[in-house]
Amino acid sequence: MAELNRGVLSVEQEQALEAKRVAWNRAQQPKWREKRDRDGKVVPGCWVTDSGYTVAMTRLPEARFTITRPGGVLPFAYTDLREQVPALITADMAESIETTGGVA
């Protein structure tokens, strides 16, 4: 009987494992802060991630998010869904690491 239970987690173990997964996923998400102009004023509808990506919300006529790479001039991605922004940034960062070997 003990062999049958091997590999089966208790409810508490499952919950602890899920909490760790959620915490790890949250830690992988980019951190955002309001973008400020050179005078230190907040730029409405514009944010910067901790890795330097700029995200701006535009309304043309619906809300759309543009994502610009660090040091970039033009957006590399557009999305209508705010929830897709972190995934697009993460994918771009991963692709950048693959193509440059992690060299900026």
N, C-alpha and C. Protein backbone atom coordinates (compact mmCIF):
# COMPACT_ATOMS: atom_id res chain seq x y z
N MET A 1 0.81 -1.19 0.00
CA MET A 1 0.00 0.00 0.00
C MET A 1 0.86 1.26 0.00
N ALA A 2 2.00 1.20 0.70
CA ALA A 2 2.88 2.36 0.75
C ALA A 2 3.40 2.70 -0.64
N GLU A 3 3.64 1.69 -1.47
CA GLU A 3 4.13 1.95 -2.82
C GLU A 3 3.09 2.66 -3.67
N LEU A 4 1.82 2.40 -3.43
CA LEU A 4 0.76 3.06 -4.18
C LEU A 4 0.68 4.55 -3.86
N ASN A 5 1.00 4.91 -2.63
CA ASN A 5 0.91 6.31 -2.20
C ASN A 5 2.16 7.11 -2.56
N ARG A 6 3.22 6.41 -2.95
CA ARG A 6 4.45 7.13 -3.30
C ARG A 6 4.19 7.95 -4.57
N GLY A 7 4.57 9.21 -4.54
CA GLY A 7 4.34 10.08 -5.69
C GLY A 7 3.02 10.83 -5.61
N VAL A 8 2.19 10.51 -4.65
CA VAL A 8 0.92 11.22 -4.47
C VAL A 8 1.11 12.23 -3.35
N LEU A 9 0.78 13.47 -3.65
CA LEU A 9 0.97 14.54 -2.66
C LEU A 9 -0.30 14.74 -1.85
N SER A 10 -0.12 15.14 -0.60
CA SER A 10 -1.27 15.47 0.23
C SER A 10 -1.84 16.81 -0.25
N VAL A 11 -3.01 17.14 0.23
CA VAL A 11 -3.64 18.41 -0.14
C VAL A 11 -2.76 19.57 0.30
N GLU A 12 -2.18 19.48 1.48
CA GLU A 12 -1.31 20.53 1.98
C GLU A 12 -0.06 20.68 1.11
N GLN A 13 0.51 19.55 0.70
CA GLN A 13 1.69 19.59 -0.16
C GLN A 13 1.34 20.20 -1.52
N GLU A 14 0.18 19.83 -2.07
CA GLU A 14 -0.27 20.39 -3.35
C GLU A 14 -0.44 21.90 -3.24
N GLN A 15 -1.05 22.36 -2.14
CA GLN A 15 -1.26 23.79 -1.94
C GLN A 15 0.06 24.52 -1.79
N ALA A 16 1.00 23.94 -1.06
CA ALA A 16 2.31 24.57 -0.88
C ALA A 16 3.05 24.65 -2.22
N LEU A 17 2.96 23.58 -3.01
CA LEU A 17 3.60 23.57 -4.32
C LEU A 17 2.98 24.61 -5.24
N GLU A 18 1.68 24.71 -5.22
CA GLU A 18 0.99 25.71 -6.06
C GLU A 18 1.37 27.13 -5.62
N ALA A 19 1.47 27.37 -4.33
CA ALA A 19 1.87 28.69 -3.83
C ALA A 19 3.27 29.05 -4.31
N LYS A 20 4.17 28.06 -4.32
CA LYS A 20 5.53 28.29 -4.82
C LYS A 20 5.51 28.60 -6.31
N ARG A 21 4.69 27.88 -7.07
CA ARG A 21 4.58 28.14 -8.51
C ARG A 21 4.07 29.55 -8.78
N VAL A 22 3.04 29.96 -8.04
CA VAL A 22 2.47 31.30 -8.22
C VAL A 22 3.51 32.36 -7.87
N ALA A 23 4.23 32.17 -6.77
CA ALA A 23 5.24 33.14 -6.36
C ALA A 23 6.37 33.22 -7.40
N TRP A 24 6.78 32.08 -7.93
CA TRP A 24 7.83 32.09 -8.95
C TRP A 24 7.36 32.80 -10.21
N ASN A 25 6.13 32.51 -10.65
CA ASN A 25 5.59 33.17 -11.84
C ASN A 25 5.48 34.68 -11.63
N ARG A 26 5.05 35.08 -10.45
CA ARG A 26 4.93 36.51 -10.15
C ARG A 26 6.30 37.17 -10.17
N ALA A 27 7.32 36.49 -9.67
CA ALA A 27 8.67 37.04 -9.65
C ALA A 27 9.24 37.19 -11.06
N GLN A 28 8.77 36.36 -11.99
CA GLN A 28 9.26 36.42 -13.37
C GLN A 28 8.63 37.56 -14.16
N GLN A 29 7.53 38.12 -13.68
CA GLN A 29 6.84 39.19 -14.39
C GLN A 29 7.62 40.49 -14.26
N PRO A 30 7.65 41.27 -15.34
CA PRO A 30 8.33 42.57 -15.25
C PRO A 30 7.66 43.49 -14.23
N LYS A 31 8.47 44.26 -13.54
CA LYS A 31 7.94 45.26 -12.60
C LYS A 31 7.74 46.55 -13.38
N TRP A 32 6.65 47.25 -13.13
CA TRP A 32 6.32 48.46 -13.88
C TRP A 32 6.34 49.66 -12.95
N ARG A 33 6.70 50.80 -13.52
CA ARG A 33 6.57 52.07 -12.79
C ARG A 33 6.09 53.12 -13.81
N GLU A 34 5.53 54.18 -13.31
CA GLU A 34 5.06 55.25 -14.19
C GLU A 34 6.25 55.88 -14.89
N LYS A 35 6.10 56.17 -16.17
CA LYS A 35 7.17 56.86 -16.90
C LYS A 35 7.08 58.34 -16.59
N ARG A 36 8.22 58.97 -16.45
CA ARG A 36 8.28 60.40 -16.16
C ARG A 36 9.06 61.11 -17.27
N ASP A 37 8.67 62.34 -17.52
CA ASP A 37 9.40 63.13 -18.52
C ASP A 37 10.66 63.71 -17.88
N ARG A 38 11.42 64.50 -18.63
CA ARG A 38 12.68 65.01 -18.06
C ARG A 38 12.48 65.98 -16.91
N ASP A 39 11.26 66.53 -16.78
CA ASP A 39 10.98 67.42 -15.65
C ASP A 39 10.47 66.66 -14.43
N GLY A 40 10.38 65.33 -14.57
CA GLY A 40 9.92 64.51 -13.45
C GLY A 40 8.42 64.36 -13.37
N LYS A 41 7.68 64.86 -14.36
CA LYS A 41 6.22 64.74 -14.37
C LYS A 41 5.82 63.40 -14.96
N VAL A 42 4.77 62.81 -14.39
CA VAL A 42 4.27 61.53 -14.86
C VAL A 42 3.68 61.69 -16.26
N VAL A 43 4.06 60.77 -17.15
CA VAL A 43 3.51 60.75 -18.51
C VAL A 43 2.25 59.87 -18.44
N PRO A 44 1.06 60.44 -18.67
CA PRO A 44 -0.17 59.65 -18.55
C PRO A 44 -0.20 58.48 -19.53
N GLY A 45 -0.64 57.32 -19.03
CA GLY A 45 -0.80 56.15 -19.88
C GLY A 45 0.51 55.57 -20.38
N CYS A 46 1.59 55.78 -19.64
CA CYS A 46 2.90 55.30 -20.09
C CYS A 46 3.68 54.75 -18.89
N TRP A 47 4.29 53.57 -19.08
CA TRP A 47 5.02 52.91 -18.01
C TRP A 47 6.36 52.42 -18.52
N VAL A 48 7.28 52.17 -17.59
CA VAL A 48 8.59 51.60 -17.90
C VAL A 48 8.78 50.39 -17.01
N THR A 49 9.27 49.30 -17.60
CA THR A 49 9.54 48.11 -16.80
C THR A 49 10.92 48.21 -16.18
N ASP A 50 11.18 47.34 -15.22
CA ASP A 50 12.49 47.35 -14.57
C ASP A 50 13.61 46.98 -15.53
N SER A 51 13.27 46.37 -16.67
CA SER A 51 14.29 46.02 -17.66
C SER A 51 14.37 47.04 -18.79
N GLY A 52 13.63 48.17 -18.69
CA GLY A 52 13.77 49.26 -19.64
C GLY A 52 12.78 49.29 -20.79
N TYR A 53 11.85 48.34 -20.84
CA TYR A 53 10.83 48.37 -21.89
C TYR A 53 9.81 49.46 -21.58
N THR A 54 9.37 50.18 -22.60
CA THR A 54 8.35 51.21 -22.44
C THR A 54 7.04 50.67 -22.97
N VAL A 55 5.99 50.82 -22.16
CA VAL A 55 4.65 50.40 -22.54
C VAL A 55 3.76 51.64 -22.51
N ALA A 56 3.08 51.90 -23.62
CA ALA A 56 2.20 53.06 -23.70
C ALA A 56 0.81 52.61 -24.12
N MET A 57 -0.21 53.20 -23.50
CA MET A 57 -1.58 52.91 -23.89
C MET A 57 -2.06 54.02 -24.80
N THR A 58 -2.56 53.62 -25.96
CA THR A 58 -3.11 54.59 -26.90
C THR A 58 -4.58 54.25 -27.12
N ARG A 59 -5.34 55.16 -27.66
CA ARG A 59 -6.75 54.93 -27.95
C ARG A 59 -6.99 55.34 -29.40
N LEU A 60 -7.03 54.35 -30.28
CA LEU A 60 -7.15 54.61 -31.71
C LEU A 60 -8.21 53.75 -32.38
N PRO A 61 -9.44 53.80 -32.26
CA PRO A 61 -10.23 54.43 -31.19
C PRO A 61 -10.30 53.56 -29.94
N GLU A 62 -9.97 52.25 -30.05
CA GLU A 62 -9.97 51.39 -28.87
C GLU A 62 -8.61 51.45 -28.17
N ALA A 63 -8.61 51.02 -26.92
CA ALA A 63 -7.34 51.00 -26.18
C ALA A 63 -6.41 49.96 -26.80
N ARG A 64 -5.16 50.35 -26.97
CA ARG A 64 -4.13 49.46 -27.51
C ARG A 64 -2.84 49.78 -26.78
N PHE A 65 -2.06 48.73 -26.53
CA PHE A 65 -0.78 48.91 -25.85
C PHE A 65 0.35 48.73 -26.84
N THR A 66 1.29 49.66 -26.82
CA THR A 66 2.49 49.55 -27.65
C THR A 66 3.66 49.25 -26.72
N ILE A 67 4.59 48.43 -27.22
CA ILE A 67 5.75 48.03 -26.41
C ILE A 67 7.01 48.36 -27.19
N THR A 68 7.90 49.12 -26.57
CA THR A 68 9.16 49.52 -27.21
C THR A 68 10.32 48.96 -26.41
N ARG A 69 11.29 48.42 -27.11
CA ARG A 69 12.49 47.86 -26.46
C ARG A 69 13.31 48.97 -25.80
N PRO A 70 14.13 48.60 -24.83
CA PRO A 70 15.02 49.59 -24.21
C PRO A 70 15.89 50.27 -25.27
N GLY A 71 15.90 51.58 -25.27
CA GLY A 71 16.68 52.34 -26.23
C GLY A 71 16.06 52.42 -27.61
N GLY A 72 14.90 51.77 -27.79
CA GLY A 72 14.23 51.77 -29.09
C GLY A 72 13.45 53.05 -29.33
N VAL A 73 13.13 53.27 -30.60
CA VAL A 73 12.37 54.45 -30.99
C VAL A 73 10.95 54.06 -31.36
N LEU A 74 10.81 52.93 -32.07
CA LEU A 74 9.50 52.47 -32.52
C LEU A 74 9.09 51.22 -31.76
N PRO A 75 7.79 51.03 -31.54
CA PRO A 75 7.32 49.82 -30.87
C PRO A 75 7.62 48.57 -31.70
N PHE A 76 7.90 47.47 -31.01
CA PHE A 76 8.09 46.20 -31.70
C PHE A 76 6.84 45.34 -31.59
N ALA A 77 5.93 45.69 -30.69
CA ALA A 77 4.72 44.89 -30.51
C ALA A 77 3.54 45.78 -30.13
N TYR A 78 2.37 45.30 -30.52
CA TYR A 78 1.11 45.97 -30.21
C TYR A 78 0.14 44.90 -29.71
N THR A 79 -0.68 45.25 -28.75
CA THR A 79 -1.70 44.31 -28.30
C THR A 79 -2.91 45.09 -27.77
N ASP A 80 -4.07 44.49 -27.92
CA ASP A 80 -5.29 45.08 -27.37
C ASP A 80 -5.51 44.65 -25.93
N LEU A 81 -4.79 43.62 -25.49
CA LEU A 81 -5.00 43.07 -24.16
C LEU A 81 -3.84 43.37 -23.23
N ARG A 82 -4.13 44.05 -22.16
CA ARG A 82 -3.10 44.39 -21.17
C ARG A 82 -2.42 43.15 -20.62
N GLU A 83 -3.19 42.06 -20.48
CA GLU A 83 -2.65 40.83 -19.91
C GLU A 83 -1.56 40.20 -20.79
N GLN A 84 -1.52 40.55 -22.08
CA GLN A 84 -0.53 39.99 -22.99
C GLN A 84 0.81 40.72 -22.92
N VAL A 85 0.83 41.92 -22.37
CA VAL A 85 2.05 42.73 -22.36
C VAL A 85 3.22 42.02 -21.67
N PRO A 86 3.07 41.49 -20.45
CA PRO A 86 4.21 40.82 -19.81
C PRO A 86 4.73 39.63 -20.63
N ALA A 87 3.83 38.87 -21.23
CA ALA A 87 4.25 37.70 -22.03
C ALA A 87 5.03 38.15 -23.27
N LEU A 88 4.61 39.23 -23.90
CA LEU A 88 5.31 39.73 -25.08
C LEU A 88 6.72 40.23 -24.71
N ILE A 89 6.82 40.91 -23.58
CA ILE A 89 8.13 41.39 -23.12
C ILE A 89 9.04 40.21 -22.77
N THR A 90 8.50 39.25 -22.04
CA THR A 90 9.28 38.07 -21.65
C THR A 90 9.77 37.31 -22.87
N ALA A 91 8.89 37.13 -23.87
CA ALA A 91 9.28 36.44 -25.10
C ALA A 91 10.36 37.21 -25.84
N ASP A 92 10.24 38.53 -25.89
CA ASP A 92 11.25 39.34 -26.58
C ASP A 92 12.59 39.26 -25.86
N MET A 93 12.56 39.28 -24.55
CA MET A 93 13.81 39.17 -23.78
C MET A 93 14.46 37.81 -24.04
N ALA A 94 13.67 36.75 -24.05
CA ALA A 94 14.21 35.40 -24.29
C ALA A 94 14.81 35.31 -25.69
N GLU A 95 14.11 35.88 -26.68
CA GLU A 95 14.62 35.87 -28.05
C GLU A 95 15.91 36.67 -28.15
N SER A 96 15.98 37.77 -27.44
CA SER A 96 17.18 38.62 -27.46
C SER A 96 18.36 37.86 -26.87
N ILE A 97 18.12 37.10 -25.81
CA ILE A 97 19.19 36.32 -25.19
C ILE A 97 19.66 35.23 -26.14
N GLU A 98 18.72 34.60 -26.84
CA GLU A 98 19.09 33.53 -27.78
C GLU A 98 19.91 34.08 -28.95
N THR A 99 19.53 35.25 -29.47
CA THR A 99 20.20 35.77 -30.66
C THR A 99 21.51 36.49 -30.33
N THR A 100 21.62 37.05 -29.13
CA THR A 100 22.84 37.78 -28.80
C THR A 100 23.72 37.05 -27.78
N GLY A 101 23.21 35.93 -27.28
CA GLY A 101 23.97 35.20 -26.26
C GLY A 101 23.99 35.94 -24.94
N GLY A 102 22.99 36.83 -24.72
CA GLY A 102 22.90 37.56 -23.47
C GLY A 102 23.68 38.85 -23.45
N VAL A 103 24.29 39.20 -24.57
CA VAL A 103 25.06 40.44 -24.65
C VAL A 103 24.14 41.56 -25.12
N ALA A 104 24.12 42.65 -24.39
CA ALA A 104 23.25 43.77 -24.74
C ALA A 104 23.81 44.57 -25.89
